[in-house]
Amino acid sequence: MFHHSQVEPLHLLAAALTEGSSDGVNLLQEAGFTKEQVLEGLKSAADYQ
């Protein structure tokens, strides 16, 4: 999708936030992380490369 050559921390966050509901996902969401923000960060990183 983004054609990155390496798995970055944002990829792991996006995967976790996509998985649904778990204690980890709830913690990330309570800290203000959203799937949309992480995907936008990945898109920006892809545009930068």
C-alpha atoms as a PDB file:
ATOM      1  CA  MET A   1       0.000   0.000   0.000  1.00  0.00           C
ATOM      2  CA  PHE A   2       2.701   2.492   0.977  1.00  0.00           C
ATOM      3  CA  HIS A   3       5.674   0.676  -0.630  1.00  0.00           C
ATOM      4  CA  HIS A   4       8.008   1.075   2.332  1.00  0.00           C
ATOM      5  CA  SER A   5      11.133  -1.058   2.316  1.00  0.00           C
ATOM      6  CA  GLN A   6      11.167  -1.556   6.106  1.00  0.00           C
ATOM      7  CA  VAL A   7       8.665  -2.149   8.871  1.00  0.00           C
ATOM      8  CA  GLU A   8       8.603   1.007  10.974  1.00  0.00           C
ATOM      9  CA  PRO A   9       6.948   1.639  14.368  1.00  0.00           C
ATOM     10  CA  LEU A  10       4.041   3.380  12.607  1.00  0.00           C
ATOM     11  CA  HIS A  11       3.310   0.140  10.735  1.00  0.00           C
ATOM     12  CA  LEU A  12       3.041  -1.696  14.040  1.00  0.00           C
ATOM     13  CA  LEU A  13       0.773   0.997  15.499  1.00  0.00           C
ATOM     14  CA  ALA A  14      -1.468   0.883  12.430  1.00  0.00           C
ATOM     15  CA  ALA A  15      -1.719  -2.902  12.684  1.00  0.00           C
ATOM     16  CA  ALA A  16      -2.518  -2.758  16.399  1.00  0.00           C
ATOM     17  CA  LEU A  17      -5.173  -0.072  15.950  1.00  0.00           C
ATOM     18  CA  THR A  18      -6.755  -2.048  13.098  1.00  0.00           C
ATOM     19  CA  GLU A  19      -7.064  -5.216  15.155  1.00  0.00           C
ATOM     20  CA  GLY A  20     -10.072  -4.005  17.079  1.00  0.00           C
ATOM     21  CA  SER A  21     -10.503  -3.901  20.820  1.00  0.00           C
ATOM     22  CA  SER A  22      -7.888  -5.027  23.301  1.00  0.00           C
ATOM     23  CA  ASP A  23      -6.255  -3.541  26.362  1.00  0.00           C
ATOM     24  CA  GLY A  24      -3.342  -2.334  24.228  1.00  0.00           C
ATOM     25  CA  VAL A  25      -5.592  -0.730  21.622  1.00  0.00           C
ATOM     26  CA  ASN A  26      -7.685   0.904  24.335  1.00  0.00           C
ATOM     27  CA  LEU A  27      -4.533   2.302  25.934  1.00  0.00           C
ATOM     28  CA  LEU A  28      -3.328   3.725  22.613  1.00  0.00           C
ATOM     29  CA  GLN A  29      -6.733   5.280  21.936  1.00  0.00           C
ATOM     30  CA  GLU A  30      -6.868   6.788  25.426  1.00  0.00           C
ATOM     31  CA  ALA A  31      -3.433   8.304  24.735  1.00  0.00           C
ATOM     32  CA  GLY A  32      -4.911   9.972  21.654  1.00  0.00           C
ATOM     33  CA  PHE A  33      -3.733   7.676  18.863  1.00  0.00           C
ATOM     34  CA  THR A  34      -6.187   7.004  16.052  1.00  0.00           C
ATOM     35  CA  LYS A  35      -5.860   4.670  13.088  1.00  0.00           C
ATOM     36  CA  GLU A  36      -6.441   7.617  10.762  1.00  0.00           C
ATOM     37  CA  GLN A  37      -3.581   9.642  12.277  1.00  0.00           C
ATOM     38  CA  VAL A  38      -1.181   6.726  12.032  1.00  0.00           C
ATOM     39  CA  LEU A  39      -2.155   6.007   8.418  1.00  0.00           C
ATOM     40  CA  GLU A  40      -1.661   9.679   7.579  1.00  0.00           C
ATOM     41  CA  GLY A  41       1.797   9.492   9.159  1.00  0.00           C
ATOM     42  CA  LEU A  42       2.612   6.479   7.008  1.00  0.00           C
ATOM     43  CA  LYS A  43       1.384   8.286   3.907  1.00  0.00           C
ATOM     44  CA  SER A  44       3.512  11.309   4.752  1.00  0.00           C
ATOM     45  CA  ALA A  45       6.546   9.079   5.286  1.00  0.00           C
ATOM     46  CA  ALA A  46       5.951   7.420   1.900  1.00  0.00           C
ATOM     47  CA  ASP A  47       5.682  10.820   0.222  1.00  0.00           C
ATOM     48  CA  TYR A  48       8.935  11.896   1.882  1.00  0.00           C
ATOM     49  CA  GLN A  49      10.929   8.959   0.512  1.00  0.00           C
END
